C-alpha atoms as a PDB file:
ATOM      1  CA  UNK A   1    -201.732 107.162  31.813  1.00  0.00           C
ATOM      2  CA  UNK A   2    -198.312 105.651  32.756  1.00  0.00           C
ATOM      3  CA  UNK A   3    -198.234 102.071  32.151  1.00  0.00           C
ATOM      4  CA  UNK A   4    -195.682 100.549  34.568  1.00  0.00           C
ATOM      5  CA  UNK A   5    -193.166  98.314  32.986  1.00  0.00           C
ATOM      6  CA  UNK A   6    -191.134  96.248  35.395  1.00  0.00           C
ATOM      7  CA  UNK A   7    -187.349  95.552  34.611  1.00  0.00           C
ATOM      8  CA  UNK A   8    -186.637  92.225  32.888  1.00  0.00           C
ATOM      9  CA  UNK A   9    -183.739  90.139  34.111  1.00  0.00           C
ATOM     10  CA  UNK A  10    -182.024  89.836  31.054  1.00  0.00           C
ATOM     11  CA  UNK A  11    -181.573  93.964  31.070  1.00  0.00           C
ATOM     12  CA  UNK A  12    -180.230  93.624  34.566  1.00  0.00           C
ATOM     13  CA  UNK A  13    -177.735  90.902  33.665  1.00  0.00           C
ATOM     14  CA  UNK A  14    -176.463  92.924  30.962  1.00  0.00           C
ATOM     15  CA  UNK A  15    -175.959  96.016  33.424  1.00  0.00           C
ATOM     16  CA  UNK A  16    -174.303  93.808  36.137  1.00  0.00           C
ATOM     17  CA  UNK A  17    -172.036  92.133  33.690  1.00  0.00           C
ATOM     18  CA  UNK A  18    -171.022  95.539  32.485  1.00  0.00           C
ATOM     19  CA  UNK A  19    -170.371  96.956  36.064  1.00  0.00           C
ATOM     20  CA  UNK A  20    -168.280  93.870  36.613  1.00  0.00           C
ATOM     21  CA  UNK A  21    -166.200  94.341  33.533  1.00  0.00           C
ATOM     22  CA  UNK A  22    -165.554  97.888  34.418  1.00  0.00           C
ATOM     23  CA  UNK A  23    -164.532  96.989  38.061  1.00  0.00           C
ATOM     24  CA  UNK A  24    -162.153  94.104  36.946  1.00  0.00           C
ATOM     25  CA  UNK A  25    -160.440  96.325  34.879  1.00  0.00           C
ATOM     26  CA  UNK A  26    -159.949  99.096  37.024  1.00  0.00           C
ATOM     27  CA  UNK A  27    -162.366 101.375  35.415  1.00  0.00           C
ATOM     28  CA  UNK A  28    -163.928 101.916  38.916  1.00  0.00           C
ATOM     29  CA  UNK A  29    -162.911 100.481  42.231  1.00  0.00           C
ATOM     30  CA  UNK A  30    -166.807  99.466  42.503  1.00  0.00           C
ATOM     31  CA  UNK A  31    -170.275 100.704  42.181  1.00  0.00           C
ATOM     32  CA  UNK A  32    -173.969 100.581  42.407  1.00  0.00           C
ATOM     33  CA  UNK A  33    -176.872 100.584  39.937  1.00  0.00           C
ATOM     34  CA  UNK A  34    -180.105 101.362  41.197  1.00  0.00           C
ATOM     35  CA  UNK A  35    -183.198 100.271  39.442  1.00  0.00           C
ATOM     36  CA  UNK A  36    -187.030 100.325  39.834  1.00  0.00           C
ATOM     37  CA  UNK A  37    -190.551 101.812  39.015  1.00  0.00           C
ATOM     38  CA  UNK A  38    -192.049 104.554  40.844  1.00  0.00           C
ATOM     39  CA  UNK A  39    -194.780 101.872  42.250  1.00  0.00           C
ATOM     40  CA  UNK A  40    -191.790  99.159  43.533  1.00  0.00           C
ATOM     41  CA  UNK A  41    -189.331  98.726  45.777  1.00  0.00           C
ATOM     42  CA  UNK A  42    -185.740  99.517  44.418  1.00  0.00           C
ATOM     43  CA  UNK A  43    -183.320  96.984  43.635  1.00  0.00           C
ATOM     44  CA  UNK A  44    -179.616  97.108  43.351  1.00  0.00           C
ATOM     45  CA  UNK A  45    -176.725  95.898  41.326  1.00  0.00           C
ATOM     46  CA  UNK A  46    -173.468  96.016  42.966  1.00  0.00           C
ATOM     47  CA  UNK A  47    -169.694  95.393  42.389  1.00  0.00           C
ATOM     48  CA  UNK A  48    -166.012  95.763  43.877  1.00  0.00           C
ATOM     49  CA  UNK A  49    -165.098  97.721  46.668  1.00  0.00           C
ATOM     50  CA  UNK A  50    -166.004 101.411  47.832  1.00  0.00           C
ATOM     51  CA  UNK A  51    -162.187 102.040  47.583  1.00  0.00           C
ATOM     52  CA  UNK A  52    -158.990 100.413  48.740  1.00  0.00           C
ATOM     53  CA  UNK A  53    -159.129 103.043  51.650  1.00  0.00           C
ATOM     54  CA  UNK A  54    -161.968 101.386  52.812  1.00  0.00           C
ATOM     55  CA  UNK A  55    -160.558  97.923  53.404  1.00  0.00           C
ATOM     56  CA  UNK A  56    -163.080  95.245  52.044  1.00  0.00           C
ATOM     57  CA  UNK A  57    -166.306  97.435  52.505  1.00  0.00           C
ATOM     58  CA  UNK A  58    -168.380  96.782  49.749  1.00  0.00           C
ATOM     59  CA  UNK A  59    -170.558  99.483  47.836  1.00  0.00           C
ATOM     60  CA  UNK A  60    -174.300  99.271  48.540  1.00  0.00           C
ATOM     61  CA  UNK A  61    -177.757 101.079  48.717  1.00  0.00           C
ATOM     62  CA  UNK A  62    -176.181 103.273  51.471  1.00  0.00           C
ATOM     63  CA  UNK A  63    -172.640 104.109  50.335  1.00  0.00           C
ATOM     64  CA  UNK A  64    -172.569 107.987  50.047  1.00  0.00           C
ATOM     65  CA  UNK A  65    -170.862 109.189  46.620  1.00  0.00           C
ATOM     66  CA  UNK A  66    -170.056 112.820  45.329  1.00  0.00           C
ATOM     67  CA  UNK A  67    -172.612 113.205  42.589  1.00  0.00           C
ATOM     68  CA  UNK A  68    -171.062 116.354  41.059  1.00  0.00           C
ATOM     69  CA  UNK A  69    -173.224 117.438  38.401  1.00  0.00           C
ATOM     70  CA  UNK A  70    -176.301 115.691  39.396  1.00  0.00           C
ATOM     71  CA  UNK A  71    -176.289 118.349  42.080  1.00  0.00           C
ATOM     72  CA  UNK A  72    -178.069 120.236  38.949  1.00  0.00           C
ATOM     73  CA  UNK A  73    -181.088 118.002  38.959  1.00  0.00           C
ATOM     74  CA  UNK A  74    -180.984 117.204  42.494  1.00  0.00           C
ATOM     75  CA  UNK A  75    -180.876 120.633  44.226  1.00  0.00           C
ATOM     76  CA  UNK A  76    -180.823 123.649  41.700  1.00  0.00           C
ATOM     77  CA  UNK A  77    -183.415 122.493  39.183  1.00  0.00           C
ATOM     78  CA  UNK A  78    -186.263 121.114  41.841  1.00  0.00           C
ATOM     79  CA  UNK A  79    -185.996 124.485  43.798  1.00  0.00           C
ATOM     80  CA  UNK A  80    -186.247 126.864  41.060  1.00  0.00           C
ATOM     81  CA  UNK A  81    -189.422 124.582  39.952  1.00  0.00           C
ATOM     82  CA  UNK A  82    -190.673 124.787  43.486  1.00  0.00           C
ATOM     83  CA  UNK A  83    -190.549 128.744  43.343  1.00  0.00           C
ATOM     84  CA  UNK A  84    -194.080 129.400  41.543  1.00  0.00           C
ATOM     85  CA  UNK A  85    -193.647 133.074  41.685  1.00  0.00           C
ATOM     86  CA  UNK A  86    -190.275 132.983  39.527  1.00  0.00           C
ATOM     87  CA  UNK A  87    -190.924 133.795  35.912  1.00  0.00           C
ATOM     88  CA  UNK A  88    -188.295 131.625  33.832  1.00  0.00           C
ATOM     89  CA  UNK A  89    -188.437 134.073  31.056  1.00  0.00           C
ATOM     90  CA  UNK A  90    -187.279 137.265  32.998  1.00  0.00           C
ATOM     91  CA  UNK A  91    -183.769 138.617  33.018  1.00  0.00           C
ATOM     92  CA  UNK A  92    -181.426 137.804  36.020  1.00  0.00           C
ATOM     93  CA  UNK A  93    -180.888 141.359  36.484  1.00  0.00           C
ATOM     94  CA  UNK A  94    -184.827 141.966  37.297  1.00  0.00           C
ATOM     95  CA  UNK A  95    -183.946 139.204  39.890  1.00  0.00           C
ATOM     96  CA  UNK A  96    -180.443 140.317  41.115  1.00  0.00           C
ATOM     97  CA  UNK A  97    -181.205 143.670  41.958  1.00  0.00           C
ATOM     98  CA  UNK A  98    -177.531 144.566  42.711  1.00  0.00           C
ATOM     99  CA  UNK A  99    -176.448 144.154  39.184  1.00  0.00           C
ATOM    100  CA  UNK A 100    -175.298 146.450  37.185  1.00  0.00           C
ATOM    101  CA  UNK A 101    -177.467 147.809  34.054  1.00  0.00           C
ATOM    102  CA  UNK A 102    -174.624 147.277  31.815  1.00  0.00           C
ATOM    103  CA  UNK A 103    -173.619 143.814  32.921  1.00  0.00           C
ATOM    104  CA  UNK A 104    -173.623 141.392  29.879  1.00  0.00           C
ATOM    105  CA  UNK A 105    -175.064 138.466  31.756  1.00  0.00           C
ATOM    106  CA  UNK A 106    -177.847 140.261  33.215  1.00  0.00           C
ATOM    107  CA  UNK A 107    -179.881 139.779  30.062  1.00  0.00           C
ATOM    108  CA  UNK A 108    -179.795 136.112  30.711  1.00  0.00           C
ATOM    109  CA  UNK A 109    -182.857 134.376  31.802  1.00  0.00           C
ATOM    110  CA  UNK A 110    -183.538 131.494  34.052  1.00  0.00           C
ATOM    111  CA  UNK A 111    -185.042 129.510  31.197  1.00  0.00           C
ATOM    112  CA  UNK A 112    -181.622 129.853  29.387  1.00  0.00           C
ATOM    113  CA  UNK A 113    -179.392 129.063  32.205  1.00  0.00           C
ATOM    114  CA  UNK A 114    -181.522 125.805  32.609  1.00  0.00           C
ATOM    115  CA  UNK A 115    -181.251 125.170  28.948  1.00  0.00           C
ATOM    116  CA  UNK A 116    -177.771 125.602  28.652  1.00  0.00           C
ATOM    117  CA  UNK A 117    -178.254 128.335  25.950  1.00  0.00           C
ATOM    118  CA  UNK A 118    -177.292 131.417  28.250  1.00  0.00           C
ATOM    119  CA  UNK A 119    -174.258 132.395  26.266  1.00  0.00           C
ATOM    120  CA  UNK A 120    -172.101 132.991  29.700  1.00  0.00           C
ATOM    121  CA  UNK A 121    -168.418 132.409  29.697  1.00  0.00           C
ATOM    122  CA  UNK A 122    -167.532 128.722  29.106  1.00  0.00           C
ATOM    123  CA  UNK A 123    -164.857 128.098  31.836  1.00  0.00           C
ATOM    124  CA  UNK A 124    -165.817 128.228  35.370  1.00  0.00           C
ATOM    125  CA  UNK A 125    -162.735 129.400  36.703  1.00  0.00           C
ATOM    126  CA  UNK A 126    -163.820 131.060  39.894  1.00  0.00           C
ATOM    127  CA  UNK A 127    -160.373 131.086  41.352  1.00  0.00           C
ATOM    128  CA  UNK A 128    -159.757 133.976  39.191  1.00  0.00           C
ATOM    129  CA  UNK A 129    -161.978 136.273  41.170  1.00  0.00           C
ATOM    130  CA  UNK A 130    -160.541 135.521  44.803  1.00  0.00           C
ATOM    131  CA  UNK A 131    -159.612 138.902  46.317  1.00  0.00           C
ATOM    132  CA  UNK A 132    -161.553 141.429  44.237  1.00  0.00           C
ATOM    133  CA  UNK A 133    -164.171 142.011  47.178  1.00  0.00           C
ATOM    134  CA  UNK A 134    -166.926 142.070  44.314  1.00  0.00           C
ATOM    135  CA  UNK A 135    -170.197 140.145  44.379  1.00  0.00           C
ATOM    136  CA  UNK A 136    -169.893 136.760  42.693  1.00  0.00           C
ATOM    137  CA  UNK A 137    -173.093 137.143  40.770  1.00  0.00           C
ATOM    138  CA  UNK A 138    -172.183 140.477  39.480  1.00  0.00           C
ATOM    139  CA  UNK A 139    -168.610 139.148  38.666  1.00  0.00           C
ATOM    140  CA  UNK A 140    -170.358 136.411  36.613  1.00  0.00           C
ATOM    141  CA  UNK A 141    -172.587 138.832  34.694  1.00  0.00           C
ATOM    142  CA  UNK A 142    -169.564 141.467  34.218  1.00  0.00           C
ATOM    143  CA  UNK A 143    -168.279 138.795  31.876  1.00  0.00           C
ATOM    144  CA  UNK A 144    -168.388 139.185  28.116  1.00  0.00           C
ATOM    145  CA  UNK A 145    -171.120 136.606  26.286  1.00  0.00           C
ATOM    146  CA  UNK A 146    -169.776 134.371  24.164  1.00  0.00           C
ATOM    147  CA  UNK A 147    -173.180 133.924  22.224  1.00  0.00           C
ATOM    148  CA  UNK A 148    -176.523 135.602  22.201  1.00  0.00           C
ATOM    149  CA  UNK A 149    -178.810 134.066  24.927  1.00  0.00           C
ATOM    150  CA  UNK A 150    -181.094 131.618  23.571  1.00  0.00           C
ATOM    151  CA  UNK A 151    -179.152 131.060  20.246  1.00  0.00           C
ATOM    152  CA  UNK A 152    -177.703 127.370  20.918  1.00  0.00           C
ATOM    153  CA  UNK A 153    -176.778 124.836  23.257  1.00  0.00           C
ATOM    154  CA  UNK A 154    -173.502 125.139  25.218  1.00  0.00           C
ATOM    155  CA  UNK A 155    -172.925 123.227  28.564  1.00  0.00           C
ATOM    156  CA  UNK A 156    -172.025 125.917  31.096  1.00  0.00           C
ATOM    157  CA  UNK A 157    -171.528 125.296  34.869  1.00  0.00           C
ATOM    158  CA  UNK A 158    -171.334 129.394  35.563  1.00  0.00           C
ATOM    159  CA  UNK A 159    -175.253 129.387  34.669  1.00  0.00           C
ATOM    160  CA  UNK A 160    -176.040 126.872  37.670  1.00  0.00           C
ATOM    161  CA  UNK A 161    -173.534 128.504  39.668  1.00  0.00           C
ATOM    162  CA  UNK A 162    -175.559 131.947  38.988  1.00  0.00           C
ATOM    163  CA  UNK A 163    -178.772 130.034  39.578  1.00  0.00           C
ATOM    164  CA  UNK A 164    -177.873 129.059  42.937  1.00  0.00           C
ATOM    165  CA  UNK A 165    -176.658 132.394  43.944  1.00  0.00           C
ATOM    166  CA  UNK A 166    -180.202 133.651  42.473  1.00  0.00           C
ATOM    167  CA  UNK A 167    -182.196 131.173  44.697  1.00  0.00           C
ATOM    168  CA  UNK A 168    -180.424 132.152  47.797  1.00  0.00           C
ATOM    169  CA  UNK A 169    -180.824 135.977  46.990  1.00  0.00           C
ATOM    170  CA  UNK A 170    -184.511 135.719  45.898  1.00  0.00           C
ATOM    171  CA  UNK A 171    -185.448 133.262  49.016  1.00  0.00           C
ATOM    172  CA  UNK A 172    -183.430 135.002  51.609  1.00  0.00           C
ATOM    173  CA  UNK A 173    -181.929 131.307  52.688  1.00  0.00           C
ATOM    174  CA  UNK A 174    -178.678 129.403  51.816  1.00  0.00           C
ATOM    175  CA  UNK A 175    -178.889 127.292  48.974  1.00  0.00           C
ATOM    176  CA  UNK A 176    -178.128 124.286  51.092  1.00  0.00           C
ATOM    177  CA  UNK A 177    -180.710 124.954  53.696  1.00  0.00           C
ATOM    178  CA  UNK A 178    -183.286 125.333  50.752  1.00  0.00           C
ATOM    179  CA  UNK A 179    -182.059 121.961  49.497  1.00  0.00           C
ATOM    180  CA  UNK A 180    -181.923 119.908  52.989  1.00  0.00           C
ATOM    181  CA  UNK A 181    -185.863 120.933  53.381  1.00  0.00           C
ATOM    182  CA  UNK A 182    -186.531 119.601  50.026  1.00  0.00           C
ATOM    183  CA  UNK A 183    -184.691 116.324  50.405  1.00  0.00           C
ATOM    184  CA  UNK A 184    -186.065 115.945  53.842  1.00  0.00           C
ATOM    185  CA  UNK A 185    -189.703 115.883  52.751  1.00  0.00           C
ATOM    186  CA  UNK A 186    -189.036 113.788  49.931  1.00  0.00           C
ATOM    187  CA  UNK A 187    -187.319 111.047  52.348  1.00  0.00           C
ATOM    188  CA  UNK A 188    -183.997 111.225  51.291  1.00  0.00           C
ATOM    189  CA  UNK A 189    -181.728 111.670  54.531  1.00  0.00           C
ATOM    190  CA  UNK A 190    -178.549 110.528  53.289  1.00  0.00           C
ATOM    191  CA  UNK A 191    -178.398 113.413  50.740  1.00  0.00           C
ATOM    192  CA  UNK A 192    -176.436 116.352  51.770  1.00  0.00           C
ATOM    193  CA  UNK A 193    -174.081 119.153  50.529  1.00  0.00           C
ATOM    194  CA  UNK A 194    -170.454 118.440  51.904  1.00  0.00           C
ATOM    195  CA  UNK A 195    -168.124 117.949  53.453  1.00  0.00           C
ATOM    196  CA  UNK A 196    -169.247 114.505  54.687  1.00  0.00           C
ATOM    197  CA  UNK A 197    -167.135 113.034  57.294  1.00  0.00           C
ATOM    198  CA  UNK A 198    -164.773 110.405  56.113  1.00  0.00           C
ATOM    199  CA  UNK A 199    -166.015 106.560  56.664  1.00  0.00           C
ATOM    200  CA  UNK A 200    -165.832 103.471  55.187  1.00  0.00           C
ATOM    201  CA  UNK A 201    -169.236 104.087  53.572  1.00  0.00           C
ATOM    202  CA  UNK A 202    -168.299 107.297  51.735  1.00  0.00           C
ATOM    203  CA  UNK A 203    -166.413 106.791  48.465  1.00  0.00           C
ATOM    204  CA  UNK A 204    -163.273 108.597  48.197  1.00  0.00           C
ATOM    205  CA  UNK A 205    -162.359 110.251  44.768  1.00  0.00           C
ATOM    206  CA  UNK A 206    -159.267 111.847  43.258  1.00  0.00           C
ATOM    207  CA  UNK A 207    -155.605 111.862  44.687  1.00  0.00           C
ATOM    208  CA  UNK A 208    -154.550 115.409  43.227  1.00  0.00           C
ATOM    209  CA  UNK A 209    -151.043 114.942  44.147  1.00  0.00           C
ATOM    210  CA  UNK A 210    -148.733 111.828  44.587  1.00  0.00           C
ATOM    211  CA  UNK A 211    -148.141 111.356  48.520  1.00  0.00           C
ATOM    212  CA  UNK A 212    -151.044 113.570  49.383  1.00  0.00           C
ATOM    213  CA  UNK A 213    -154.478 112.373  50.867  1.00  0.00           C
ATOM    214  CA  UNK A 214    -157.082 111.921  48.694  1.00  0.00           C
ATOM    215  CA  UNK A 215    -160.319 113.683  48.336  1.00  0.00           C
ATOM    216  CA  UNK A 216    -162.711 111.829  50.768  1.00  0.00           C
ATOM    217  CA  UNK A 217    -165.895 113.428  51.796  1.00  0.00           C
ATOM    218  CA  UNK A 218    -164.677 116.917  50.273  1.00  0.00           C
ATOM    219  CA  UNK A 219    -166.391 118.028  46.680  1.00  0.00           C
ATOM    220  CA  UNK A 220    -164.597 117.013  43.803  1.00  0.00           C
ATOM    221  CA  UNK A 221    -165.016 120.149  42.024  1.00  0.00           C
ATOM    222  CA  UNK A 222    -163.007 122.794  42.634  1.00  0.00           C
ATOM    223  CA  UNK A 223    -165.439 125.394  42.166  1.00  0.00           C
ATOM    224  CA  UNK A 224    -167.618 124.004  44.476  1.00  0.00           C
ATOM    225  CA  UNK A 225    -165.077 123.586  46.888  1.00  0.00           C
ATOM    226  CA  UNK A 226    -163.940 127.823  46.617  1.00  0.00           C
ATOM    227  CA  UNK A 227    -167.938 128.230  47.607  1.00  0.00           C
ATOM    228  CA  UNK A 228    -167.545 126.193  50.662  1.00  0.00           C
ATOM    229  CA  UNK A 229    -169.043 122.922  49.349  1.00  0.00           C
ATOM    230  CA  UNK A 230    -172.601 124.629  48.394  1.00  0.00           C
ATOM    231  CA  UNK A 231    -172.983 125.528  44.785  1.00  0.00           C
ATOM    232  CA  UNK A 232    -175.988 125.268  42.133  1.00  0.00           C
ATOM    233  CA  UNK A 233    -173.612 123.174  39.789  1.00  0.00           C
ATOM    234  CA  UNK A 234    -172.013 120.444  42.038  1.00  0.00           C
ATOM    235  CA  UNK A 235    -171.282 119.696  45.648  1.00  0.00           C
ATOM    236  CA  UNK A 236    -173.953 117.311  46.666  1.00  0.00           C
ATOM    237  CA  UNK A 237    -173.310 113.864  47.801  1.00  0.00           C
ATOM    238  CA  UNK A 238    -176.071 111.155  48.006  1.00  0.00           C
ATOM    239  CA  UNK A 239    -176.545 107.409  47.942  1.00  0.00           C
ATOM    240  CA  UNK A 240    -178.006 105.059  45.523  1.00  0.00           C
ATOM    241  CA  UNK A 241    -181.138 104.464  47.970  1.00  0.00           C
ATOM    242  CA  UNK A 242    -181.628 108.328  48.064  1.00  0.00           C
ATOM    243  CA  UNK A 243    -181.443 108.768  44.447  1.00  0.00           C
ATOM    244  CA  UNK A 244    -183.975 105.650  43.953  1.00  0.00           C
ATOM    245  CA  UNK A 245    -186.250 107.540  46.329  1.00  0.00           C
ATOM    246  CA  UNK A 246    -185.915 110.648  44.340  1.00  0.00           C
ATOM    247  CA  UNK A 247    -186.540 109.187  41.111  1.00  0.00           C
ATOM    248  CA  UNK A 248    -189.692 107.362  42.247  1.00  0.00           C
ATOM    249  CA  UNK A 249    -190.942 110.708  43.475  1.00  0.00           C
ATOM    250  CA  UNK A 250    -190.314 112.311  39.925  1.00  0.00           C
ATOM    251  CA  UNK A 251    -192.173 109.721  38.256  1.00  0.00           C
ATOM    252  CA  UNK A 252    -195.056 109.044  40.727  1.00  0.00           C
ATOM    253  CA  UNK A 253    -195.351 112.885  40.819  1.00  0.00           C
ATOM    254  CA  UNK A 254    -195.495 112.755  37.052  1.00  0.00           C
ATOM    255  CA  UNK A 255    -198.008 110.160  37.099  1.00  0.00           C
ATOM    256  CA  UNK A 256    -200.026 112.060  39.810  1.00  0.00           C
ATOM    257  CA  UNK A 257    -199.658 115.720  38.541  1.00  0.00           C
ATOM    258  CA  UNK A 258    -198.190 116.559  41.722  1.00  0.00           C
ATOM    259  CA  UNK A 259    -196.130 120.278  41.583  1.00  0.00           C
ATOM    260  CA  UNK A 260    -192.697 118.227  41.060  1.00  0.00           C
ATOM    261  CA  UNK A 261    -194.267 115.982  38.504  1.00  0.00           C
ATOM    262  CA  UNK A 262    -195.717 118.886  36.397  1.00  0.00           C
ATOM    263  CA  UNK A 263    -192.289 120.539  36.929  1.00  0.00           C
ATOM    264  CA  UNK A 264    -190.677 117.294  35.346  1.00  0.00           C
ATOM    265  CA  UNK A 265    -193.189 117.338  32.587  1.00  0.00           C
ATOM    266  CA  UNK A 266    -192.521 120.887  31.736  1.00  0.00           C
ATOM    267  CA  UNK A 267    -188.792 120.234  31.936  1.00  0.00           C
ATOM    268  CA  UNK A 268    -188.967 117.226  29.372  1.00  0.00           C
ATOM    269  CA  UNK A 269    -189.893 119.708  26.544  1.00  0.00           C
ATOM    270  CA  UNK A 270    -186.703 120.212  23.906  1.00  0.00           C
ATOM    271  CA  UNK A 271    -185.304 123.814  24.329  1.00  0.00           C
ATOM    272  CA  UNK A 272    -181.855 122.933  22.398  1.00  0.00           C
ATOM    273  CA  UNK A 273    -180.514 120.526  20.280  1.00  0.00           C
ATOM    274  CA  UNK A 274    -177.530 118.846  21.608  1.00  0.00           C
ATOM    275  CA  UNK A 275    -176.555 116.473  18.952  1.00  0.00           C
ATOM    276  CA  UNK A 276    -178.658 114.605  16.625  1.00  0.00           C
ATOM    277  CA  UNK A 277    -180.765 112.298  18.674  1.00  0.00           C
ATOM    278  CA  UNK A 278    -180.210 114.653  21.744  1.00  0.00           C
ATOM    279  CA  UNK A 279    -181.991 117.256  23.274  1.00  0.00           C
ATOM    280  CA  UNK A 280    -181.907 119.489  25.991  1.00  0.00           C
ATOM    281  CA  UNK A 281    -184.832 120.487  28.262  1.00  0.00           C
ATOM    282  CA  UNK A 282    -184.735 122.404  31.307  1.00  0.00           C
ATOM    283  CA  UNK A 283    -181.422 121.128  33.162  1.00  0.00           C
ATOM    284  CA  UNK A 284    -182.165 117.433  31.672  1.00  0.00           C
ATOM    285  CA  UNK A 285    -180.539 115.508  28.479  1.00  0.00           C
ATOM    286  CA  UNK A 286    -183.588 114.534  26.682  1.00  0.00           C
ATOM    287  CA  UNK A 287    -183.341 111.140  24.502  1.00  0.00           C
ATOM    288  CA  UNK A 288    -185.763 108.668  22.547  1.00  0.00           C
ATOM    289  CA  UNK A 289    -187.810 111.706  21.119  1.00  0.00           C
ATOM    290  CA  UNK A 290    -187.720 113.444  24.527  1.00  0.00           C
ATOM    291  CA  UNK A 291    -189.521 110.093  26.248  1.00  0.00           C
ATOM    292  CA  UNK A 292    -186.050 109.531  28.580  1.00  0.00           C
ATOM    293  CA  UNK A 293    -184.619 112.179  30.606  1.00  0.00           C
ATOM    294  CA  UNK A 294    -181.182 111.991  32.141  1.00  0.00           C
ATOM    295  CA  UNK A 295    -178.056 113.636  33.535  1.00  0.00           C
ATOM    296  CA  UNK A 296    -174.669 112.612  34.419  1.00  0.00           C
ATOM    297  CA  UNK A 297    -172.265 113.481  37.187  1.00  0.00           C
ATOM    298  CA  UNK A 298    -168.258 113.807  36.486  1.00  0.00           C
ATOM    299  CA  UNK A 299    -167.331 111.916  39.266  1.00  0.00           C
ATOM    300  CA  UNK A 300    -168.895 108.838  37.646  1.00  0.00           C
ATOM    301  CA  UNK A 301    -172.619 109.094  38.306  1.00  0.00           C
ATOM    302  CA  UNK A 302    -175.886 109.344  36.242  1.00  0.00           C
ATOM    303  CA  UNK A 303    -179.658 109.306  36.898  1.00  0.00           C
ATOM    304  CA  UNK A 304    -181.985 108.234  33.991  1.00  0.00           C
ATOM    305  CA  UNK A 305    -186.056 108.571  34.077  1.00  0.00           C
ATOM    306  CA  UNK A 306    -188.618 107.139  31.708  1.00  0.00           C
ATOM    307  CA  UNK A 307    -192.129 108.645  32.653  1.00  0.00           C
ATOM    308  CA  UNK A 308    -193.733 106.577  30.193  1.00  0.00           C
ATOM    309  CA  UNK A 309    -192.979 103.405  31.658  1.00  0.00           C
ATOM    310  CA  UNK A 310    -192.484 104.596  35.204  1.00  0.00           C
ATOM    311  CA  UNK A 311    -188.550 103.116  35.221  1.00  0.00           C
ATOM    312  CA  UNK A 312    -185.308 104.620  36.421  1.00  0.00           C
ATOM    313  CA  UNK A 313    -181.823 103.909  36.715  1.00  0.00           C
ATOM    314  CA  UNK A 314    -179.371 105.663  38.766  1.00  0.00           C
ATOM    315  CA  UNK A 315    -175.600 104.874  38.624  1.00  0.00           C
ATOM    316  CA  UNK A 316    -173.178 105.291  41.568  1.00  0.00           C
ATOM    317  CA  UNK A 317    -169.235 104.890  41.108  1.00  0.00           C
ATOM    318  CA  UNK A 318    -166.312 106.901  42.072  1.00  0.00           C
ATOM    319  CA  UNK A 319    -164.604 106.779  38.863  1.00  0.00           C
ATOM    320  CA  UNK A 320    -162.434 109.221  39.082  1.00  0.00           C
ATOM    321  CA  UNK A 321    -160.618 107.565  41.738  1.00  0.00           C
ATOM    322  CA  UNK A 322    -158.361 105.747  39.099  1.00  0.00           C
ATOM    323  CA  UNK A 323    -158.931 108.054  35.799  1.00  0.00           C
ATOM    324  CA  UNK A 324    -159.758 111.626  34.879  1.00  0.00           C
ATOM    325  CA  UNK A 325    -160.902 110.159  31.350  1.00  0.00           C
ATOM    326  CA  UNK A 326    -163.761 108.663  33.003  1.00  0.00           C
ATOM    327  CA  UNK A 327    -166.226 110.022  30.431  1.00  0.00           C
ATOM    328  CA  UNK A 328    -164.663 107.674  27.826  1.00  0.00           C
ATOM    329  CA  UNK A 329    -164.137 104.458  30.469  1.00  0.00           C
ATOM    330  CA  UNK A 330    -167.936 105.118  31.522  1.00  0.00           C
ATOM    331  CA  UNK A 331    -169.399 105.550  28.042  1.00  0.00           C
ATOM    332  CA  UNK A 332    -170.161 101.822  27.925  1.00  0.00           C
ATOM    333  CA  UNK A 333    -172.162 101.339  31.068  1.00  0.00           C
ATOM    334  CA  UNK A 334    -174.055 104.688  30.359  1.00  0.00           C
ATOM    335  CA  UNK A 335    -174.842 103.574  26.829  1.00  0.00           C
ATOM    336  CA  UNK A 336    -176.092 100.540  27.988  1.00  0.00           C
ATOM    337  CA  UNK A 337    -178.048 102.014  30.814  1.00  0.00           C
ATOM    338  CA  UNK A 338    -179.750 104.411  27.886  1.00  0.00           C
ATOM    339  CA  UNK A 339    -180.397 101.530  25.745  1.00  0.00           C
ATOM    340  CA  UNK A 340    -181.903  99.498  28.743  1.00  0.00           C
ATOM    341  CA  UNK A 341    -184.218 102.388  29.889  1.00  0.00           C
ATOM    342  CA  UNK A 342    -185.199 103.304  26.549  1.00  0.00           C
ATOM    343  CA  UNK A 343    -186.157  99.772  25.351  1.00  0.00           C
ATOM    344  CA  UNK A 344    -189.524  98.382  26.231  1.00  0.00           C
ATOM    345  CA  UNK A 345    -189.630  94.659  27.240  1.00  0.00           C
END
């Protein structure tokens, strides 16, 4: 039985102070941290502005962010979990029937893709395939493997791109249509695949060339952009409010034993060691002896769940606005968030 533990003011004050410091030193233009439990209304810590292009507009629950790799746990992961007939341990060649029998990637399983133990080629670089006229899933699977599937952990976007293609082929529907139905059912009206119309409540990301327009409502991930903004690894836009709704649904489902909750429970079993103290479940990073699940997005987003306490945190920033080395610059806030959700008051 889950015992809900509400957030304490000292923990929230630490998070607010850290977010304020990151805004003050231009690590981020601004940002939002959503916090709550599955059985309470969410709270939101805010700081800074959406971006200079947006004037004095301040970020809030309804600000739209490019969540980058949170796409993996907002779209691809729950959609795979919803396909009851899908055998996670079947080779993808049994699901993608157009694959040649000798394609090395055909032996990889969906479970290995989700656990980042597929051994698929590590670099993404879909631009290398332009103009080939060959099915993308075949191109990905024809590449030589860099490791024996299941042998060890390596974060690989190609696997989730392949999973997105697989979802579309198995269901006969586009990935964005499947995801839209999922999000509608969960009450997440602002979550969508891009592009998103430019507006003051939409957070811009990177300026790729001096003097050129900044990415704004377009996916920051180049490979997602090549796929029309709809991919299994990146391309989703969401808001702090919707991420809070999603986290609450996962945690409530875990408590009540809903299909989505059971999928979360199944996914919080370690499949690979990332480093001492961190493991990989199905899609999610696991910490605190697999009591906490979380994931990051390259643009400056994170989502943390603690089913045992019913608590969650969602970080939404557009950190790539100023810096591409945002992993290092965001490390203090992310470390504090992990500590906060792990510690029991």
